[in-house]
Amino acid sequence: MAEDIQVVATLRAVDQGFTKAFQNASASAQSLQGQVHGVNKSLVAAGAVIGGAGFAMYKFGKASFDVASRVSELNVAIGAIGKSTGIGARNIRDAANAIRNNGIEMAAAQQMAIEFAQGNINMAQASDVARVAQDLAVISQKNSTDTAMILTRAIKTGNSMLLKSAGVSRQASEGYADYAREIGKTANTLNAMERQQAIVNLILDEGKKVAGVYEAAMQEPGKVLRSFPRLLNDMQLA
């Protein structure tokens, strides 16, 4: 009888030890599973970050290629137009660089210089118009490049709505009348080149009213953010 009791006690002790060991093993397994799950989540998150960064780099690289290609194509066009107009490619490129120095994206600066060359307008005034565009951009709440291109189209077409969109308060007809008096003609006898020059003069006169607005506005975060596309464009061409 005593032997039976001892056997039962021994079996119970073994069973309790086995159960405790099994419980410890189960707890260790659950802990390991939790750690592995945490590592997996970290790896997934890291993969997402790396993938996102890679895609952003791809987009930036493609945009940089597109910008550089456009500038290269316009540079070829400048060579041809410089020859056909007799102005010379170097003079047009110098004008484009002067425009760019007034905060205008390079491709837009090239287009603007080309328009001035084709219209036989004083190339030196192209950068002056770009400078006015900087000030007017603050008033029209656009960036300088967009405003410069609107002004360029207004010079070419004489469209008063474009002038207004860029922040110019006067009509094209007023510019024609002013320039006609200056050269001893009437507004309706101005030729195409004179009409374009009249709009340039109108823009430059308007610029006197808003001079200094750009520098003051660059102290404000909103204007700095509107200038970001041009800064990014410079980085893409670097």
C-alpha atoms as a PDB file:
ATOM      1  CA  MET A   1       0.000   0.000   0.000  1.00  0.00           C
ATOM      2  CA  ALA A   2       2.806   2.386   0.925  1.00  0.00           C
ATOM      3  CA  GLU A   3       4.562   1.504  -2.301  1.00  0.00           C
ATOM      4  CA  ASP A   4       1.428   2.365  -4.313  1.00  0.00           C
ATOM      5  CA  ILE A   5       1.181   5.713  -2.625  1.00  0.00           C
ATOM      6  CA  GLN A   6       4.843   6.417  -3.420  1.00  0.00           C
ATOM      7  CA  VAL A   7       4.361   5.504  -7.082  1.00  0.00           C
ATOM      8  CA  VAL A   8       1.348   7.796  -7.398  1.00  0.00           C
ATOM      9  CA  ALA A   9       3.261  10.637  -5.758  1.00  0.00           C
ATOM     10  CA  THR A  10       6.167  10.115  -8.118  1.00  0.00           C
ATOM     11  CA  LEU A  11       3.895  10.126 -11.180  1.00  0.00           C
ATOM     12  CA  ARG A  12       2.225  13.301 -10.012  1.00  0.00           C
ATOM     13  CA  ALA A  13       5.605  14.994  -9.534  1.00  0.00           C
ATOM     14  CA  VAL A  14       6.713  13.949 -13.017  1.00  0.00           C
ATOM     15  CA  ASP A  15       3.404  15.127 -14.494  1.00  0.00           C
ATOM     16  CA  GLN A  16       3.657  18.500 -12.755  1.00  0.00           C
ATOM     17  CA  GLY A  17       7.244  18.942 -13.952  1.00  0.00           C
ATOM     18  CA  PHE A  18       6.284  18.034 -17.501  1.00  0.00           C
ATOM     19  CA  THR A  19       3.311  20.413 -17.442  1.00  0.00           C
ATOM     20  CA  LYS A  20       5.440  23.274 -16.112  1.00  0.00           C
ATOM     21  CA  ALA A  21       8.113  22.632 -18.712  1.00  0.00           C
ATOM     22  CA  PHE A  22       5.457  22.507 -21.431  1.00  0.00           C
ATOM     23  CA  GLN A  23       3.963  25.776 -20.202  1.00  0.00           C
ATOM     24  CA  ASN A  24       7.398  27.427 -20.179  1.00  0.00           C
ATOM     25  CA  ALA A  25       8.083  26.161 -23.689  1.00  0.00           C
ATOM     26  CA  SER A  26       4.710  27.440 -24.892  1.00  0.00           C
ATOM     27  CA  ALA A  27       5.372  30.872 -23.355  1.00  0.00           C
ATOM     28  CA  SER A  28       8.797  30.997 -25.005  1.00  0.00           C
ATOM     29  CA  ALA A  29       7.286  30.040 -28.346  1.00  0.00           C
ATOM     30  CA  GLN A  30       4.630  32.752 -28.051  1.00  0.00           C
ATOM     31  CA  SER A  31       7.282  35.304 -27.117  1.00  0.00           C
ATOM     32  CA  LEU A  32       9.418  34.307 -30.098  1.00  0.00           C
ATOM     33  CA  GLN A  33       6.391  34.498 -32.393  1.00  0.00           C
ATOM     34  CA  GLY A  34       5.685  38.035 -31.136  1.00  0.00           C
ATOM     35  CA  GLN A  35       9.265  39.078 -31.748  1.00  0.00           C
ATOM     36  CA  VAL A  36       9.241  37.604 -35.260  1.00  0.00           C
ATOM     37  CA  HIS A  37       5.938  39.343 -36.001  1.00  0.00           C
ATOM     38  CA  GLY A  38       7.447  42.646 -34.826  1.00  0.00           C
ATOM     39  CA  VAL A  39      10.476  42.127 -37.039  1.00  0.00           C
ATOM     40  CA  ASN A  40       8.226  41.320 -39.998  1.00  0.00           C
ATOM     41  CA  LYS A  41       6.236  44.511 -39.460  1.00  0.00           C
ATOM     42  CA  SER A  42       9.466  46.494 -39.270  1.00  0.00           C
ATOM     43  CA  LEU A  43      10.742  44.898 -42.465  1.00  0.00           C
ATOM     44  CA  VAL A  44       7.474  45.618 -44.253  1.00  0.00           C
ATOM     45  CA  ALA A  45       7.565  49.255 -43.097  1.00  0.00           C
ATOM     46  CA  ALA A  46      11.211  49.586 -44.118  1.00  0.00           C
ATOM     47  CA  GLY A  47      10.421  48.072 -47.508  1.00  0.00           C
ATOM     48  CA  ALA A  48       7.594  50.544 -48.033  1.00  0.00           C
ATOM     49  CA  VAL A  49       9.876  53.470 -47.179  1.00  0.00           C
ATOM     50  CA  ILE A  50      12.628  52.228 -49.483  1.00  0.00           C
ATOM     51  CA  GLY A  51      10.125  51.584 -52.273  1.00  0.00           C
ATOM     52  CA  GLY A  52       8.612  55.056 -51.877  1.00  0.00           C
ATOM     53  CA  ALA A  53      12.026  56.690 -51.909  1.00  0.00           C
ATOM     54  CA  GLY A  54      13.004  54.730 -55.003  1.00  0.00           C
ATOM     55  CA  PHE A  55       9.845  55.787 -56.840  1.00  0.00           C
ATOM     56  CA  ALA A  56      10.399  59.430 -55.848  1.00  0.00           C
ATOM     57  CA  MET A  57      13.966  59.241 -57.175  1.00  0.00           C
ATOM     58  CA  TYR A  58      12.694  57.736 -60.421  1.00  0.00           C
ATOM     59  CA  LYS A  59      10.126  60.543 -60.842  1.00  0.00           C
ATOM     60  CA  PHE A  60      12.732  63.207 -60.089  1.00  0.00           C
ATOM     61  CA  GLY A  61      15.154  61.641 -62.559  1.00  0.00           C
ATOM     62  CA  LYS A  62      12.507  61.475 -65.294  1.00  0.00           C
ATOM     63  CA  ALA A  63      11.457  65.090 -64.656  1.00  0.00           C
ATOM     64  CA  SER A  64      15.100  66.172 -64.766  1.00  0.00           C
ATOM     65  CA  PHE A  65      15.561  64.382 -68.100  1.00  0.00           C
ATOM     66  CA  ASP A  66      12.437  66.036 -69.524  1.00  0.00           C
ATOM     67  CA  VAL A  67      13.551  69.510 -68.384  1.00  0.00           C
ATOM     68  CA  ALA A  68      17.068  69.033 -69.761  1.00  0.00           C
ATOM     69  CA  SER A  69      15.680  67.738 -73.078  1.00  0.00           C
ATOM     70  CA  ARG A  70      13.390  70.741 -73.440  1.00  0.00           C
ATOM     71  CA  VAL A  71      16.214  73.182 -72.717  1.00  0.00           C
ATOM     72  CA  SER A  72      18.435  71.362 -75.226  1.00  0.00           C
ATOM     73  CA  GLU A  73      15.758  71.505 -77.941  1.00  0.00           C
ATOM     74  CA  LEU A  74      15.187  75.221 -77.352  1.00  0.00           C
ATOM     75  CA  ASN A  75      18.924  75.778 -77.521  1.00  0.00           C
ATOM     76  CA  VAL A  76      18.894  74.274 -81.016  1.00  0.00           C
ATOM     77  CA  ALA A  77      15.983  76.552 -81.923  1.00  0.00           C
ATOM     78  CA  ILE A  78      17.935  79.564 -80.646  1.00  0.00           C
ATOM     79  CA  GLY A  79      20.775  78.672 -82.985  1.00  0.00           C
ATOM     80  CA  ALA A  80      18.450  78.597 -85.990  1.00  0.00           C
ATOM     81  CA  ILE A  81      16.547  81.764 -85.025  1.00  0.00           C
ATOM     82  CA  GLY A  82      19.746  83.630 -84.251  1.00  0.00           C
ATOM     83  CA  LYS A  83      20.910  82.885 -87.768  1.00  0.00           C
ATOM     84  CA  SER A  84      17.613  83.634 -89.547  1.00  0.00           C
ATOM     85  CA  THR A  85      17.018  86.939 -87.740  1.00  0.00           C
ATOM     86  CA  GLY A  86      20.627  88.101 -87.935  1.00  0.00           C
ATOM     87  CA  ILE A  87      20.614  88.728 -84.171  1.00  0.00           C
ATOM     88  CA  GLY A  88      22.986  85.865 -83.490  1.00  0.00           C
ATOM     89  CA  ALA A  89      22.516  82.844 -81.244  1.00  0.00           C
ATOM     90  CA  ARG A  90      24.952  84.194 -78.676  1.00  0.00           C
ATOM     91  CA  ASN A  91      22.921  87.371 -78.174  1.00  0.00           C
ATOM     92  CA  ILE A  92      19.723  85.378 -77.741  1.00  0.00           C
ATOM     93  CA  ARG A  93      21.388  83.016 -75.256  1.00  0.00           C
ATOM     94  CA  ASP A  94      22.800  85.972 -73.321  1.00  0.00           C
ATOM     95  CA  ALA A  95      19.296  87.445 -73.150  1.00  0.00           C
ATOM     96  CA  ALA A  96      17.903  84.094 -71.958  1.00  0.00           C
ATOM     97  CA  ASN A  97      20.502  83.914 -69.191  1.00  0.00           C
ATOM     98  CA  ALA A  98      19.725  87.489 -68.132  1.00  0.00           C
ATOM     99  CA  ILE A  99      16.026  86.583 -67.966  1.00  0.00           C
ATOM    100  CA  ARG A 100      16.819  83.468 -65.938  1.00  0.00           C
ATOM    101  CA  ASN A 101      18.784  85.575 -63.466  1.00  0.00           C
ATOM    102  CA  ASN A 102      15.505  87.310 -62.671  1.00  0.00           C
ATOM    103  CA  GLY A 103      14.023  84.122 -61.245  1.00  0.00           C
ATOM    104  CA  ILE A 104      12.561  82.629 -64.448  1.00  0.00           C
ATOM    105  CA  GLU A 105      12.869  78.928 -65.289  1.00  0.00           C
ATOM    106  CA  MET A 106      15.451  78.300 -68.012  1.00  0.00           C
ATOM    107  CA  ALA A 107      13.124  76.910 -70.704  1.00  0.00           C
ATOM    108  CA  ALA A 108      10.702  79.814 -70.191  1.00  0.00           C
ATOM    109  CA  ALA A 109      13.617  82.262 -70.329  1.00  0.00           C
ATOM    110  CA  GLN A 110      14.693  80.734 -73.645  1.00  0.00           C
ATOM    111  CA  GLN A 111      11.167  80.981 -75.060  1.00  0.00           C
ATOM    112  CA  MET A 112      10.902  84.584 -73.942  1.00  0.00           C
ATOM    113  CA  ALA A 113      14.219  85.486 -75.569  1.00  0.00           C
ATOM    114  CA  ILE A 114      13.123  83.734 -78.773  1.00  0.00           C
ATOM    115  CA  GLU A 115       9.856  85.718 -78.852  1.00  0.00           C
ATOM    116  CA  PHE A 116      11.764  88.985 -78.492  1.00  0.00           C
ATOM    117  CA  ALA A 117      14.152  87.983 -81.276  1.00  0.00           C
ATOM    118  CA  GLN A 118      11.327  86.974 -83.609  1.00  0.00           C
ATOM    119  CA  GLY A 119       9.481  90.222 -82.915  1.00  0.00           C
ATOM    120  CA  ASN A 120      12.659  92.226 -83.453  1.00  0.00           C
ATOM    121  CA  ILE A 121      12.161  93.811 -80.034  1.00  0.00           C
ATOM    122  CA  ASN A 122      15.067  95.271 -78.091  1.00  0.00           C
ATOM    123  CA  MET A 123      16.663  92.171 -76.520  1.00  0.00           C
ATOM    124  CA  ALA A 124      17.994  94.163 -73.587  1.00  0.00           C
ATOM    125  CA  GLN A 125      14.403  94.855 -72.510  1.00  0.00           C
ATOM    126  CA  ALA A 126      13.576  91.144 -72.169  1.00  0.00           C
ATOM    127  CA  SER A 127      15.269  90.904 -68.774  1.00  0.00           C
ATOM    128  CA  ASP A 128      13.556  94.166 -67.736  1.00  0.00           C
ATOM    129  CA  VAL A 129      10.175  92.608 -68.506  1.00  0.00           C
ATOM    130  CA  ALA A 130      11.199  89.517 -66.518  1.00  0.00           C
ATOM    131  CA  ARG A 131      12.081  91.751 -63.585  1.00  0.00           C
ATOM    132  CA  VAL A 132       8.642  93.383 -63.736  1.00  0.00           C
ATOM    133  CA  ALA A 133       7.120  89.884 -63.890  1.00  0.00           C
ATOM    134  CA  GLN A 134       8.652  89.120 -60.505  1.00  0.00           C
ATOM    135  CA  ASP A 135       6.868  92.082 -58.911  1.00  0.00           C
ATOM    136  CA  LEU A 136       3.582  91.528 -60.751  1.00  0.00           C
ATOM    137  CA  ALA A 137       3.600  87.842 -59.778  1.00  0.00           C
ATOM    138  CA  VAL A 138       3.150  88.871 -56.162  1.00  0.00           C
ATOM    139  CA  ILE A 139       0.042  90.882 -57.055  1.00  0.00           C
ATOM    140  CA  SER A 140      -1.464  88.238 -59.357  1.00  0.00           C
ATOM    141  CA  GLN A 141      -0.548  85.435 -56.878  1.00  0.00           C
ATOM    142  CA  LYS A 142       1.280  83.453 -59.535  1.00  0.00           C
ATOM    143  CA  ASN A 143       4.905  82.408 -59.740  1.00  0.00           C
ATOM    144  CA  SER A 144       7.347  84.581 -61.676  1.00  0.00           C
ATOM    145  CA  THR A 145       7.793  82.144 -64.565  1.00  0.00           C
ATOM    146  CA  ASP A 146       4.066  81.894 -65.278  1.00  0.00           C
ATOM    147  CA  THR A 147       3.698  85.679 -65.103  1.00  0.00           C
ATOM    148  CA  ALA A 148       6.649  86.231 -67.434  1.00  0.00           C
ATOM    149  CA  MET A 149       5.142  83.866 -70.008  1.00  0.00           C
ATOM    150  CA  ILE A 150       1.739  85.582 -69.784  1.00  0.00           C
ATOM    151  CA  LEU A 151       3.417  88.947 -70.357  1.00  0.00           C
ATOM    152  CA  THR A 152       5.312  87.522 -73.328  1.00  0.00           C
ATOM    153  CA  ARG A 153       2.071  86.312 -74.913  1.00  0.00           C
ATOM    154  CA  ALA A 154       0.480  89.696 -74.204  1.00  0.00           C
ATOM    155  CA  ILE A 155       3.361  91.440 -75.985  1.00  0.00           C
ATOM    156  CA  LYS A 156       2.937  89.158 -78.987  1.00  0.00           C
ATOM    157  CA  THR A 157      -0.869  89.357 -79.191  1.00  0.00           C
ATOM    158  CA  GLY A 158      -1.766  92.705 -77.609  1.00  0.00           C
ATOM    159  CA  ASN A 159      -4.400  90.925 -75.538  1.00  0.00           C
ATOM    160  CA  SER A 160      -5.566  93.164 -72.693  1.00  0.00           C
ATOM    161  CA  MET A 161      -7.036  90.194 -70.804  1.00  0.00           C
ATOM    162  CA  LEU A 162      -3.578  88.644 -70.610  1.00  0.00           C
ATOM    163  CA  LEU A 163      -2.181  91.917 -69.298  1.00  0.00           C
ATOM    164  CA  LYS A 164      -4.880  92.004 -66.644  1.00  0.00           C
ATOM    165  CA  SER A 165      -4.232  88.369 -65.727  1.00  0.00           C
ATOM    166  CA  ALA A 166      -0.568  89.218 -65.147  1.00  0.00           C
ATOM    167  CA  GLY A 167      -1.453  92.164 -62.908  1.00  0.00           C
ATOM    168  CA  VAL A 168      -1.137  95.063 -65.378  1.00  0.00           C
ATOM    169  CA  SER A 169      -3.838  97.652 -64.685  1.00  0.00           C
ATOM    170  CA  ARG A 170      -3.858  99.376 -68.104  1.00  0.00           C
ATOM    171  CA  GLN A 171      -5.269  98.317 -71.487  1.00  0.00           C
ATOM    172  CA  ALA A 172      -3.216  97.533 -74.581  1.00  0.00           C
ATOM    173  CA  SER A 173      -4.945 100.364 -76.430  1.00  0.00           C
ATOM    174  CA  GLU A 174      -3.509 102.844 -73.931  1.00  0.00           C
ATOM    175  CA  GLY A 175      -0.046 101.530 -74.655  1.00  0.00           C
ATOM    176  CA  TYR A 176      -0.569 101.895 -78.397  1.00  0.00           C
ATOM    177  CA  ALA A 177      -1.762 105.487 -77.998  1.00  0.00           C
ATOM    178  CA  ASP A 178       1.183 106.430 -75.761  1.00  0.00           C
ATOM    179  CA  TYR A 179       3.790 104.935 -78.086  1.00  0.00           C
ATOM    180  CA  ALA A 180       2.142 106.377 -81.202  1.00  0.00           C
ATOM    181  CA  ARG A 181       2.373 109.896 -79.730  1.00  0.00           C
ATOM    182  CA  GLU A 182       6.012 109.243 -78.811  1.00  0.00           C
ATOM    183  CA  ILE A 183       7.019 108.369 -82.377  1.00  0.00           C
ATOM    184  CA  GLY A 184       4.705 110.823 -84.118  1.00  0.00           C
ATOM    185  CA  LYS A 185       2.112 108.386 -85.436  1.00  0.00           C
ATOM    186  CA  THR A 186      -1.463 107.425 -84.691  1.00  0.00           C
ATOM    187  CA  ALA A 187      -2.356 104.205 -82.887  1.00  0.00           C
ATOM    188  CA  ASN A 188      -4.081 102.662 -85.892  1.00  0.00           C
ATOM    189  CA  THR A 189      -1.021 103.175 -88.105  1.00  0.00           C
ATOM    190  CA  LEU A 190       1.412 101.273 -85.883  1.00  0.00           C
ATOM    191  CA  ASN A 191       2.912  98.209 -87.542  1.00  0.00           C
ATOM    192  CA  ALA A 192       3.230  94.831 -85.804  1.00  0.00           C
ATOM    193  CA  MET A 193       6.706  95.481 -84.426  1.00  0.00           C
ATOM    194  CA  GLU A 194       5.697  98.914 -83.105  1.00  0.00           C
ATOM    195  CA  ARG A 195       2.599  97.479 -81.448  1.00  0.00           C
ATOM    196  CA  GLN A 196       4.734  94.915 -79.649  1.00  0.00           C
ATOM    197  CA  GLN A 197       7.176  97.597 -78.566  1.00  0.00           C
ATOM    198  CA  ALA A 198       4.241  99.646 -77.278  1.00  0.00           C
ATOM    199  CA  ILE A 199       3.154  96.761 -75.014  1.00  0.00           C
ATOM    200  CA  VAL A 200       6.726  96.330 -73.753  1.00  0.00           C
ATOM    201  CA  ASN A 201       6.811 100.025 -72.848  1.00  0.00           C
ATOM    202  CA  LEU A 202       3.421  99.720 -71.138  1.00  0.00           C
ATOM    203  CA  ILE A 203       4.663  96.798 -69.040  1.00  0.00           C
ATOM    204  CA  LEU A 204       7.853  98.618 -68.067  1.00  0.00           C
ATOM    205  CA  ASP A 205       5.849 101.707 -67.062  1.00  0.00           C
ATOM    206  CA  GLU A 206       3.590  99.489 -64.951  1.00  0.00           C
ATOM    207  CA  GLY A 207       6.689  98.010 -63.384  1.00  0.00           C
ATOM    208  CA  LYS A 208       7.627 101.380 -61.917  1.00  0.00           C
ATOM    209  CA  LYS A 209       4.468 101.285 -59.817  1.00  0.00           C
ATOM    210  CA  VAL A 210       5.235  97.916 -58.282  1.00  0.00           C
ATOM    211  CA  ALA A 211       9.021  98.049 -57.997  1.00  0.00           C
ATOM    212  CA  GLY A 212      10.296  96.387 -54.834  1.00  0.00           C
ATOM    213  CA  VAL A 213       7.202  94.278 -54.205  1.00  0.00           C
ATOM    214  CA  TYR A 214       9.061  91.044 -54.965  1.00  0.00           C
ATOM    215  CA  GLU A 215      11.860  91.642 -52.461  1.00  0.00           C
ATOM    216  CA  ALA A 216       9.365  92.489 -49.744  1.00  0.00           C
ATOM    217  CA  ALA A 217       7.198  89.454 -50.513  1.00  0.00           C
ATOM    218  CA  MET A 218      10.145  87.043 -50.341  1.00  0.00           C
ATOM    219  CA  GLN A 219      10.045  87.510 -46.582  1.00  0.00           C
ATOM    220  CA  GLU A 220       6.681  85.717 -46.598  1.00  0.00           C
ATOM    221  CA  PRO A 221       6.399  81.884 -46.646  1.00  0.00           C
ATOM    222  CA  GLY A 222       3.630  81.898 -49.267  1.00  0.00           C
ATOM    223  CA  LYS A 223       5.749  83.608 -51.897  1.00  0.00           C
ATOM    224  CA  VAL A 224       8.735  81.409 -51.104  1.00  0.00           C
ATOM    225  CA  LEU A 225       6.548  78.343 -51.718  1.00  0.00           C
ATOM    226  CA  ARG A 226       5.394  79.735 -55.085  1.00  0.00           C
ATOM    227  CA  SER A 227       9.066  80.098 -56.022  1.00  0.00           C
ATOM    228  CA  PHE A 228       9.762  76.427 -55.234  1.00  0.00           C
ATOM    229  CA  PRO A 229       9.018  75.129 -58.781  1.00  0.00           C
ATOM    230  CA  ARG A 230      11.732  77.410 -60.184  1.00  0.00           C
ATOM    231  CA  LEU A 231      14.219  76.295 -57.502  1.00  0.00           C
ATOM    232  CA  LEU A 232      13.392  72.667 -58.283  1.00  0.00           C
ATOM    233  CA  ASN A 233      13.855  73.411 -61.987  1.00  0.00           C
ATOM    234  CA  ASP A 234      17.321  74.814 -61.260  1.00  0.00           C
ATOM    235  CA  MET A 235      18.175  71.640 -59.337  1.00  0.00           C
ATOM    236  CA  GLN A 236      17.006  69.474 -62.226  1.00  0.00           C
ATOM    237  CA  LEU A 237      19.297  71.355 -64.627  1.00  0.00           C
ATOM    238  CA  ALA A 238      22.291  71.341 -62.287  1.00  0.00           C
END
